[in-house]
Amino acid sequence: MSDLEKRLNNEDLQVPPLIRIGIAHYQFESIHPFPDGNGRLGRLLITLYLVSNKIPGKPTLYLSDFFERNRSHYYDNLTAVRTQNNLVQWLTFFLVGVLETAENSIQTFHEIMKLRIEFEEKKIITLGKKVPLAMKLIRYLYTKTVIDAAEVAKILAVNISTANRLIQDFEKLGILSEKTGFKRNRIFIFEKYLNLFER
């Protein structure tokens, strides 16, 4: 682990950051230093390294989904480095994952922008004097997609009946949907937004 850390942070090595973290990920998975959680930590290592090197500036590149969808190829390519010294094949697979994940992230970003325009500029604007509260709520929903009336009341600093009326407005506009079917303790989901991340 000490050698991995030194190599990963050695600025004298003239190796591009994506290649460097691709190799480091392979090394970490081969060392397998912990009894549990190595896969999650190895994937997190990729994101943290890229963000620390400003590639990209924020943690928006998650390779976990790519590795999971291509699980057998992922393990085959890692094994090929150990058994056949085929680092090129592993790095090719890794870089394809980076490219595919980046393209998906860009597509998701464009879809989020379309959704924001639809909800904020076309639907919420129809709520008249409720628009300021509604805008505050929708911006909160981008950070937390599952909510209840008590939380809405708290974050908007309004009473529970005002929160419930605003939630009803959001349901009518197709922004929130109730998922419990209960009369009380109802939970609402910002489903259309959440669905953008489940491709």
C-alpha atoms as a PDB file:
ATOM      1  CA  MET A   1       0.000   0.000   0.000  1.00  0.00           C
ATOM      2  CA  SER A   2       2.859   2.348   0.758  1.00  0.00           C
ATOM      3  CA  ASP A   3       4.342   1.737  -2.715  1.00  0.00           C
ATOM      4  CA  LEU A   4       0.937   2.320  -4.342  1.00  0.00           C
ATOM      5  CA  GLU A   5       0.519   5.620  -2.487  1.00  0.00           C
ATOM      6  CA  LYS A   6       4.042   6.810  -3.373  1.00  0.00           C
ATOM      7  CA  ARG A   7       3.658   5.892  -7.043  1.00  0.00           C
ATOM      8  CA  LEU A   8       0.220   7.499  -7.243  1.00  0.00           C
ATOM      9  CA  ASN A   9       1.527  10.789  -5.850  1.00  0.00           C
ATOM     10  CA  ASN A  10       4.970  10.834  -7.487  1.00  0.00           C
ATOM     11  CA  GLU A  11       4.921  13.963  -9.645  1.00  0.00           C
ATOM     12  CA  ASP A  12       8.216  13.035 -11.306  1.00  0.00           C
ATOM     13  CA  LEU A  13       6.515  10.180 -13.155  1.00  0.00           C
ATOM     14  CA  GLN A  14       5.364  11.427 -16.555  1.00  0.00           C
ATOM     15  CA  VAL A  15       2.151   9.383 -16.664  1.00  0.00           C
ATOM     16  CA  PRO A  16      -1.247  10.943 -17.507  1.00  0.00           C
ATOM     17  CA  PRO A  17      -3.627  10.994 -14.531  1.00  0.00           C
ATOM     18  CA  LEU A  18      -6.196   8.639 -16.101  1.00  0.00           C
ATOM     19  CA  ILE A  19      -3.518   6.027 -16.823  1.00  0.00           C
ATOM     20  CA  ARG A  20      -2.037   6.516 -13.370  1.00  0.00           C
ATOM     21  CA  ILE A  21      -5.352   5.951 -11.571  1.00  0.00           C
ATOM     22  CA  GLY A  22      -6.211   3.040 -13.869  1.00  0.00           C
ATOM     23  CA  ILE A  23      -2.988   1.319 -12.810  1.00  0.00           C
ATOM     24  CA  ALA A  24      -3.517   2.284  -9.162  1.00  0.00           C
ATOM     25  CA  HIS A  25      -7.044   0.840  -9.210  1.00  0.00           C
ATOM     26  CA  TYR A  26      -5.693  -2.447 -10.550  1.00  0.00           C
ATOM     27  CA  GLN A  27      -2.962  -2.447  -7.887  1.00  0.00           C
ATOM     28  CA  PHE A  28      -5.394  -1.699  -5.074  1.00  0.00           C
ATOM     29  CA  GLU A  29      -7.763  -4.473  -6.178  1.00  0.00           C
ATOM     30  CA  SER A  30      -4.815  -6.893  -6.426  1.00  0.00           C
ATOM     31  CA  ILE A  31      -3.465  -5.987  -2.986  1.00  0.00           C
ATOM     32  CA  HIS A  32      -6.999  -6.391  -1.569  1.00  0.00           C
ATOM     33  CA  PRO A  33      -5.917  -4.943   1.786  1.00  0.00           C
ATOM     34  CA  PHE A  34      -9.167  -5.288   3.756  1.00  0.00           C
ATOM     35  CA  PRO A  35     -11.430  -8.227   4.627  1.00  0.00           C
ATOM     36  CA  ASP A  36     -14.438  -6.347   3.174  1.00  0.00           C
ATOM     37  CA  GLY A  37     -15.226  -3.216   1.155  1.00  0.00           C
ATOM     38  CA  ASN A  38     -12.209  -3.304  -1.185  1.00  0.00           C
ATOM     39  CA  GLY A  39     -14.352  -2.914  -4.318  1.00  0.00           C
ATOM     40  CA  ARG A  40     -16.204   0.137  -2.993  1.00  0.00           C
ATOM     41  CA  LEU A  41     -12.999   1.698  -1.701  1.00  0.00           C
ATOM     42  CA  GLY A  42     -11.178   0.959  -4.966  1.00  0.00           C
ATOM     43  CA  ARG A  43     -13.919   2.688  -6.964  1.00  0.00           C
ATOM     44  CA  LEU A  44     -13.969   5.609  -4.531  1.00  0.00           C
ATOM     45  CA  LEU A  45     -10.193   5.910  -4.943  1.00  0.00           C
ATOM     46  CA  ILE A  46     -10.743   6.616  -8.664  1.00  0.00           C
ATOM     47  CA  THR A  47     -13.223   9.429  -7.992  1.00  0.00           C
ATOM     48  CA  LEU A  48     -11.159  11.019  -5.219  1.00  0.00           C
ATOM     49  CA  TYR A  49      -7.961  10.916  -7.255  1.00  0.00           C
ATOM     50  CA  LEU A  50      -9.602  12.469 -10.314  1.00  0.00           C
ATOM     51  CA  VAL A  51     -11.244  15.229  -8.274  1.00  0.00           C
ATOM     52  CA  SER A  52      -7.979  15.974  -6.465  1.00  0.00           C
ATOM     53  CA  ASN A  53      -6.393  16.417  -9.908  1.00  0.00           C
ATOM     54  CA  LYS A  54      -9.335  18.533 -11.154  1.00  0.00           C
ATOM     55  CA  ILE A  55     -10.468  15.874 -13.664  1.00  0.00           C
ATOM     56  CA  PRO A  56     -13.313  16.829 -13.393  1.00  0.00           C
ATOM     57  CA  GLY A  57     -13.529  19.641 -10.853  1.00  0.00           C
ATOM     58  CA  LYS A  58     -16.417  17.952  -9.014  1.00  0.00           C
ATOM     59  CA  PRO A  59     -17.162  14.293  -8.249  1.00  0.00           C
ATOM     60  CA  THR A  60     -19.361  13.570 -11.278  1.00  0.00           C
ATOM     61  CA  LEU A  61     -17.550  10.573 -12.768  1.00  0.00           C
ATOM     62  CA  TYR A  62     -18.636   7.334 -11.070  1.00  0.00           C
ATOM     63  CA  LEU A  63     -17.358   4.179 -12.744  1.00  0.00           C
ATOM     64  CA  SER A  64     -19.216   1.824 -10.391  1.00  0.00           C
ATOM     65  CA  ASP A  65     -22.185   1.452 -12.739  1.00  0.00           C
ATOM     66  CA  PHE A  66     -19.920   0.671 -15.717  1.00  0.00           C
ATOM     67  CA  PHE A  67     -17.957  -1.903 -13.716  1.00  0.00           C
ATOM     68  CA  GLU A  68     -21.181  -3.468 -12.429  1.00  0.00           C
ATOM     69  CA  ARG A  69     -22.789  -3.698 -15.877  1.00  0.00           C
ATOM     70  CA  ASN A  70     -19.592  -5.224 -17.259  1.00  0.00           C
ATOM     71  CA  ARG A  71     -18.749  -7.242 -14.174  1.00  0.00           C
ATOM     72  CA  SER A  72     -17.337 -10.344 -15.896  1.00  0.00           C
ATOM     73  CA  HIS A  73     -15.187  -8.235 -18.265  1.00  0.00           C
ATOM     74  CA  TYR A  74     -14.045  -6.157 -15.295  1.00  0.00           C
ATOM     75  CA  TYR A  75     -12.791  -9.211 -13.409  1.00  0.00           C
ATOM     76  CA  ASP A  76     -11.414 -10.858 -16.560  1.00  0.00           C
ATOM     77  CA  ASN A  77      -9.365  -7.767 -17.381  1.00  0.00           C
ATOM     78  CA  LEU A  78      -8.040  -7.437 -13.838  1.00  0.00           C
ATOM     79  CA  THR A  79      -7.095 -11.123 -13.877  1.00  0.00           C
ATOM     80  CA  ALA A  80      -5.409 -10.779 -17.291  1.00  0.00           C
ATOM     81  CA  VAL A  81      -2.928  -8.299 -15.803  1.00  0.00           C
ATOM     82  CA  ARG A  82      -1.960 -10.773 -13.076  1.00  0.00           C
ATOM     83  CA  THR A  83      -1.888 -13.916 -15.218  1.00  0.00           C
ATOM     84  CA  GLN A  84      -0.794 -12.620 -18.638  1.00  0.00           C
ATOM     85  CA  ASN A  85       0.830  -9.279 -17.780  1.00  0.00           C
ATOM     86  CA  ASN A  86      -1.774  -7.645 -20.054  1.00  0.00           C
ATOM     87  CA  LEU A  87      -1.924  -4.153 -18.567  1.00  0.00           C
ATOM     88  CA  VAL A  88      -2.849  -2.634 -21.951  1.00  0.00           C
ATOM     89  CA  GLN A  89      -6.109  -4.624 -22.090  1.00  0.00           C
ATOM     90  CA  TRP A  90      -7.048  -3.517 -18.571  1.00  0.00           C
ATOM     91  CA  LEU A  91      -6.267   0.147 -19.317  1.00  0.00           C
ATOM     92  CA  THR A  92      -8.245  -0.011 -22.567  1.00  0.00           C
ATOM     93  CA  PHE A  93     -11.249  -1.383 -20.666  1.00  0.00           C
ATOM     94  CA  PHE A  94     -10.794   1.236 -17.941  1.00  0.00           C
ATOM     95  CA  LEU A  95     -10.579   4.139 -20.431  1.00  0.00           C
ATOM     96  CA  VAL A  96     -13.660   2.893 -22.312  1.00  0.00           C
ATOM     97  CA  GLY A  97     -15.437   2.999 -18.946  1.00  0.00           C
ATOM     98  CA  VAL A  98     -14.274   6.560 -18.320  1.00  0.00           C
ATOM     99  CA  LEU A  99     -15.445   7.634 -21.790  1.00  0.00           C
ATOM    100  CA  GLU A 100     -18.832   5.935 -21.521  1.00  0.00           C
ATOM    101  CA  THR A 101     -19.411   7.257 -18.008  1.00  0.00           C
ATOM    102  CA  ALA A 102     -18.446  10.801 -19.035  1.00  0.00           C
ATOM    103  CA  GLU A 103     -20.802  10.679 -22.033  1.00  0.00           C
ATOM    104  CA  ASN A 104     -23.639   9.419 -19.821  1.00  0.00           C
ATOM    105  CA  SER A 105     -22.934  12.173 -17.291  1.00  0.00           C
ATOM    106  CA  ILE A 106     -23.119  14.821 -20.018  1.00  0.00           C
ATOM    107  CA  GLN A 107     -26.407  13.364 -21.289  1.00  0.00           C
ATOM    108  CA  THR A 108     -27.829  13.303 -17.764  1.00  0.00           C
ATOM    109  CA  PHE A 109     -26.746  16.908 -17.229  1.00  0.00           C
ATOM    110  CA  HIS A 110     -28.588  17.980 -20.408  1.00  0.00           C
ATOM    111  CA  GLU A 111     -31.705  16.111 -19.277  1.00  0.00           C
ATOM    112  CA  ILE A 112     -31.529  17.791 -15.859  1.00  0.00           C
ATOM    113  CA  MET A 113     -31.365  21.189 -17.548  1.00  0.00           C
ATOM    114  CA  LYS A 114     -34.429  20.335 -19.671  1.00  0.00           C
ATOM    115  CA  LEU A 115     -36.303  19.196 -16.586  1.00  0.00           C
ATOM    116  CA  ARG A 116     -35.391  22.394 -14.737  1.00  0.00           C
ATOM    117  CA  ILE A 117     -36.718  24.501 -17.594  1.00  0.00           C
ATOM    118  CA  GLU A 118     -39.922  22.453 -17.721  1.00  0.00           C
ATOM    119  CA  PHE A 119     -40.562  22.673 -13.978  1.00  0.00           C
ATOM    120  CA  GLU A 120     -39.158  26.078 -13.065  1.00  0.00           C
ATOM    121  CA  GLU A 121     -39.962  28.144 -16.160  1.00  0.00           C
ATOM    122  CA  LYS A 122     -43.179  26.492 -17.302  1.00  0.00           C
ATOM    123  CA  LYS A 123     -44.934  24.836 -14.364  1.00  0.00           C
ATOM    124  CA  ILE A 124     -43.933  26.581 -11.122  1.00  0.00           C
ATOM    125  CA  ILE A 125     -44.431  29.979 -12.700  1.00  0.00           C
ATOM    126  CA  THR A 126     -48.167  29.179 -12.858  1.00  0.00           C
ATOM    127  CA  LEU A 127     -48.429  29.169  -9.042  1.00  0.00           C
ATOM    128  CA  GLY A 128     -48.744  32.963  -8.772  1.00  0.00           C
ATOM    129  CA  LYS A 129     -47.869  34.312  -5.338  1.00  0.00           C
ATOM    130  CA  LYS A 130     -46.607  30.859  -4.250  1.00  0.00           C
ATOM    131  CA  VAL A 131     -43.715  31.043  -6.749  1.00  0.00           C
ATOM    132  CA  PRO A 132     -41.006  32.171  -4.268  1.00  0.00           C
ATOM    133  CA  LEU A 133     -41.790  29.307  -1.859  1.00  0.00           C
ATOM    134  CA  ALA A 134     -42.157  26.863  -4.731  1.00  0.00           C
ATOM    135  CA  MET A 135     -38.768  27.851  -6.161  1.00  0.00           C
ATOM    136  CA  LYS A 136     -37.155  27.385  -2.759  1.00  0.00           C
ATOM    137  CA  LEU A 137     -38.739  23.932  -2.484  1.00  0.00           C
ATOM    138  CA  ILE A 138     -37.743  22.756  -5.957  1.00  0.00           C
ATOM    139  CA  ARG A 139     -34.151  23.824  -5.391  1.00  0.00           C
ATOM    140  CA  TYR A 140     -34.153  21.835  -2.169  1.00  0.00           C
ATOM    141  CA  LEU A 141     -35.539  18.813  -4.027  1.00  0.00           C
ATOM    142  CA  TYR A 142     -32.476  18.770  -6.295  1.00  0.00           C
ATOM    143  CA  THR A 143     -30.450  17.946  -3.177  1.00  0.00           C
ATOM    144  CA  LYS A 144     -32.959  15.605  -1.492  1.00  0.00           C
ATOM    145  CA  THR A 145     -35.441  13.766  -3.687  1.00  0.00           C
ATOM    146  CA  VAL A 146     -37.546  12.129  -0.948  1.00  0.00           C
ATOM    147  CA  ILE A 147     -39.439  14.393   1.437  1.00  0.00           C
ATOM    148  CA  ASP A 148     -42.435  14.658   3.756  1.00  0.00           C
ATOM    149  CA  ALA A 149     -44.691  17.566   4.754  1.00  0.00           C
ATOM    150  CA  ALA A 150     -42.933  18.166   8.081  1.00  0.00           C
ATOM    151  CA  GLU A 151     -39.598  18.587   6.321  1.00  0.00           C
ATOM    152  CA  VAL A 152     -41.148  20.925   3.736  1.00  0.00           C
ATOM    153  CA  ALA A 153     -42.610  23.034   6.553  1.00  0.00           C
ATOM    154  CA  LYS A 154     -39.240  23.175   8.283  1.00  0.00           C
ATOM    155  CA  ILE A 155     -37.106  24.091   5.269  1.00  0.00           C
ATOM    156  CA  LEU A 156     -39.596  26.710   4.060  1.00  0.00           C
ATOM    157  CA  ALA A 157     -40.299  28.012   7.598  1.00  0.00           C
ATOM    158  CA  VAL A 158     -44.069  27.690   7.074  1.00  0.00           C
ATOM    159  CA  ASN A 159     -46.860  25.902   8.946  1.00  0.00           C
ATOM    160  CA  ILE A 160     -47.775  22.331   8.059  1.00  0.00           C
ATOM    161  CA  SER A 161     -50.985  23.266   6.229  1.00  0.00           C
ATOM    162  CA  THR A 162     -49.077  25.631   3.924  1.00  0.00           C
ATOM    163  CA  ALA A 163     -46.526  22.881   3.309  1.00  0.00           C
ATOM    164  CA  ASN A 164     -49.301  20.399   2.478  1.00  0.00           C
ATOM    165  CA  ARG A 165     -50.941  22.827   0.037  1.00  0.00           C
ATOM    166  CA  LEU A 166     -47.631  23.403  -1.749  1.00  0.00           C
ATOM    167  CA  ILE A 167     -47.028  19.657  -1.925  1.00  0.00           C
ATOM    168  CA  GLN A 168     -50.507  19.253  -3.463  1.00  0.00           C
ATOM    169  CA  ASP A 169     -49.595  21.884  -6.045  1.00  0.00           C
ATOM    170  CA  PHE A 170     -46.390  19.999  -6.830  1.00  0.00           C
ATOM    171  CA  GLU A 171     -48.364  16.769  -7.211  1.00  0.00           C
ATOM    172  CA  LYS A 172     -50.802  18.421  -9.648  1.00  0.00           C
ATOM    173  CA  LEU A 173     -47.851  19.783 -11.642  1.00  0.00           C
ATOM    174  CA  GLY A 174     -46.288  16.306 -11.812  1.00  0.00           C
ATOM    175  CA  ILE A 175     -43.220  17.311  -9.799  1.00  0.00           C
ATOM    176  CA  LEU A 176     -43.846  15.187  -6.697  1.00  0.00           C
ATOM    177  CA  SER A 177     -45.571  11.840  -6.390  1.00  0.00           C
ATOM    178  CA  GLU A 178     -46.799  10.201  -3.187  1.00  0.00           C
ATOM    179  CA  LYS A 179     -45.558   6.645  -2.707  1.00  0.00           C
ATOM    180  CA  THR A 180     -46.990   5.289   0.559  1.00  0.00           C
ATOM    181  CA  GLY A 181     -50.729   5.429  -0.180  1.00  0.00           C
ATOM    182  CA  PHE A 182     -51.296   6.486   3.449  1.00  0.00           C
ATOM    183  CA  LYS A 183     -53.493   9.328   4.686  1.00  0.00           C
ATOM    184  CA  ARG A 184     -50.826  10.318   7.240  1.00  0.00           C
ATOM    185  CA  ASN A 185     -47.041  10.162   7.313  1.00  0.00           C
ATOM    186  CA  ARG A 186     -46.978  10.374   3.554  1.00  0.00           C
ATOM    187  CA  ILE A 187     -43.693  10.363   1.650  1.00  0.00           C
ATOM    188  CA  PHE A 188     -43.230  12.253  -1.611  1.00  0.00           C
ATOM    189  CA  ILE A 189     -40.630  11.585  -4.282  1.00  0.00           C
ATOM    190  CA  PHE A 190     -39.161  13.870  -6.938  1.00  0.00           C
ATOM    191  CA  GLU A 191     -39.427  10.918  -9.265  1.00  0.00           C
ATOM    192  CA  LYS A 192     -38.765  12.404 -12.698  1.00  0.00           C
ATOM    193  CA  TYR A 193     -35.491  13.880 -11.450  1.00  0.00           C
ATOM    194  CA  LEU A 194     -34.484  10.691  -9.639  1.00  0.00           C
ATOM    195  CA  ASN A 195     -35.201   8.605 -12.732  1.00  0.00           C
ATOM    196  CA  LEU A 196     -32.549  10.525 -14.690  1.00  0.00           C
ATOM    197  CA  PHE A 197     -29.885   8.811 -12.615  1.00  0.00           C
ATOM    198  CA  GLU A 198     -31.250   5.300 -13.036  1.00  0.00           C
ATOM    199  CA  ARG A 199     -30.258   4.622 -16.629  1.00  0.00           C
END
